[in-house]
Amino acid sequence: VQLQASGGGLVQAGGSLRLSCAVSGRTFSSYAMGWFRQAPGKEREFIAAINWSGGGRYYADSVKGRFTISRDNAKSTVYLQMNSLKSEDTAVYYCAAGRTYIGTTVRQYEAWGQGTQVTVSS
């Protein structure tokens, strides 16, 4: 399976961005999908995950209420809508595919996208 993330960019604090991750190579609907981020000098951290149908979602406390994960199985794409962005949201954002119902750790995902940079200016 191959993942291609897009949608990152530079945004002012309080603004919004929507990330997309297009998946190819295997049956998209058989995968749970997740978003992680990694800031310079820090470990990759879990942000959000969604199960294969979209009926189950889970968020890190740091983004709950501001970010929304969704998926379109017909388009083999997962999204991350990010609102009320803060400077501490600045990081490279990665999408990932895995078999765990809703994985929250790096080890639970078997395929990763290349990352897209999100920079929030204060």
Protein backbone atom coordinates (compact mmCIF):
# COMPACT_ATOMS: atom_id res chain seq x y z
CA VAL A 1 0.00 0.00 0.00
CA GLN A 2 1.22 3.51 -0.84
CA LEU A 3 0.19 6.73 0.90
CA GLN A 4 0.53 10.28 -0.39
CA ALA A 5 -0.12 13.14 2.05
CA SER A 6 -0.85 16.68 0.92
CA GLY A 7 -2.40 19.93 2.07
CA GLY A 8 0.22 21.29 4.42
CA GLY A 9 1.38 24.87 4.37
CA LEU A 10 1.86 28.09 6.29
CA VAL A 11 -1.10 29.44 8.24
CA GLN A 12 -1.62 32.04 10.94
CA ALA A 13 -2.58 31.04 14.44
CA GLY A 14 -6.33 30.57 14.65
CA GLY A 15 -6.54 29.51 11.04
CA SER A 16 -7.47 26.21 9.42
CA LEU A 17 -5.98 23.64 7.08
CA ARG A 18 -7.23 20.37 5.67
CA LEU A 19 -4.77 17.57 5.07
CA SER A 20 -5.48 14.76 2.66
CA CYS A 21 -3.91 11.33 2.32
CA ALA A 22 -4.55 9.34 -0.84
CA VAL A 23 -4.03 5.58 -0.56
CA SER A 24 -3.34 3.14 -3.37
CA GLY A 25 -2.25 -0.43 -3.83
CA ARG A 26 -4.59 -2.35 -1.54
CA THR A 27 -8.22 -2.24 -0.49
CA PHE A 28 -8.43 1.06 1.37
CA SER A 29 -11.53 0.10 3.30
CA SER A 30 -9.70 -2.78 4.98
CA TYR A 31 -7.36 -0.38 6.80
CA ALA A 32 -7.67 1.74 9.87
CA MET A 33 -6.03 5.09 9.24
CA GLY A 34 -4.13 7.43 11.50
CA TRP A 35 -2.47 10.81 11.54
CA PHE A 36 0.74 11.51 13.45
CA ARG A 37 3.02 14.50 13.64
CA GLN A 38 6.66 15.11 14.42
CA ALA A 39 8.20 18.41 15.44
CA PRO A 40 11.97 19.01 15.24
CA GLY A 41 13.81 17.21 18.01
CA LYS A 42 10.68 15.39 19.18
CA GLU A 43 9.29 11.92 18.76
CA ARG A 44 6.47 11.18 16.38
CA GLU A 45 3.19 11.60 18.24
CA PHE A 46 -0.30 10.29 17.65
CA ILE A 47 -2.95 12.81 16.58
CA ALA A 48 -6.04 11.00 15.37
CA ALA A 49 -7.27 7.65 14.10
CA ILE A 50 -10.32 6.29 12.35
CA ASN A 51 -11.48 2.72 11.87
CA TRP A 52 -12.17 1.10 8.50
CA SER A 53 -15.80 2.25 8.26
CA GLY A 54 -15.39 5.71 9.75
CA GLY A 55 -17.69 4.84 12.63
CA GLY A 56 -14.93 4.87 15.20
CA ARG A 57 -12.60 7.78 15.81
CA TYR A 58 -10.09 8.68 18.48
CA TYR A 59 -8.09 11.84 19.16
CA ALA A 60 -5.14 12.93 21.21
CA ASP A 61 -6.13 15.29 24.00
CA SER A 62 -3.98 18.02 22.46
CA VAL A 63 -6.20 18.25 19.36
CA LYS A 64 -9.59 17.10 20.62
CA GLY A 65 -12.28 19.59 19.68
CA ARG A 66 -10.06 21.29 17.08
CA PHE A 67 -9.15 18.52 14.64
CA THR A 68 -11.48 16.12 12.83
CA ILE A 69 -10.47 12.95 11.05
CA SER A 70 -12.66 11.54 8.30
CA ARG A 71 -12.41 9.17 5.37
CA ASP A 72 -13.99 8.61 1.99
CA ASN A 73 -13.65 4.95 1.09
CA ALA A 74 -14.91 5.59 -2.45
CA LYS A 75 -11.98 7.95 -3.01
CA SER A 76 -9.47 5.94 -0.93
CA THR A 77 -8.64 9.10 0.97
CA VAL A 78 -8.42 10.09 4.61
CA TYR A 79 -8.64 13.70 5.77
CA LEU A 80 -7.59 15.74 8.76
CA GLN A 81 -9.47 19.00 9.19
CA MET A 82 -7.48 21.25 11.51
CA ASN A 83 -9.15 24.31 13.02
CA SER A 84 -8.04 26.87 15.59
CA LEU A 85 -4.43 26.11 14.82
CA LYS A 86 -1.77 27.02 17.35
CA SER A 87 1.96 27.55 17.01
CA GLU A 88 2.54 24.28 18.87
CA ASP A 89 0.78 22.44 16.03
CA THR A 90 3.78 23.18 13.81
CA ALA A 91 5.22 19.85 12.67
CA VAL A 92 5.50 17.43 9.81
CA TYR A 93 2.25 15.50 9.59
CA TYR A 94 2.18 11.85 8.53
CA CYS A 95 -0.69 9.60 7.56
CA ALA A 96 -0.50 5.88 8.23
CA ALA A 97 -2.41 2.69 7.46
CA GLY A 98 -2.76 -0.27 9.77
CA ARG A 99 -4.81 -3.30 10.75
CA THR A 100 -5.50 -2.42 14.38
CA TYR A 101 -9.08 -1.25 14.99
CA ILE A 102 -7.96 2.24 16.01
CA GLY A 103 -4.24 2.36 16.60
CA THR A 104 -2.63 5.08 18.67
CA THR A 105 1.01 4.03 18.49
CA VAL A 106 3.54 4.06 15.68
CA ARG A 107 4.02 0.30 15.95
CA GLN A 108 0.36 -0.35 15.13
CA TYR A 109 0.74 1.01 11.60
CA GLU A 110 2.39 -0.81 8.73
CA ALA A 111 2.55 1.83 6.01
CA TRP A 112 3.35 5.54 6.10
CA GLY A 113 3.07 8.53 3.83
CA GLN A 114 5.98 10.87 3.17
CA GLY A 115 4.77 13.68 5.45
CA THR A 116 3.53 17.19 4.82
CA GLN A 117 4.80 20.28 6.64
CA VAL A 118 2.39 22.40 8.64
CA THR A 119 3.71 25.70 9.96
CA VAL A 120 1.58 27.90 12.20
CA SER A 121 2.79 31.45 12.69
CA SER A 122 1.88 33.33 15.85
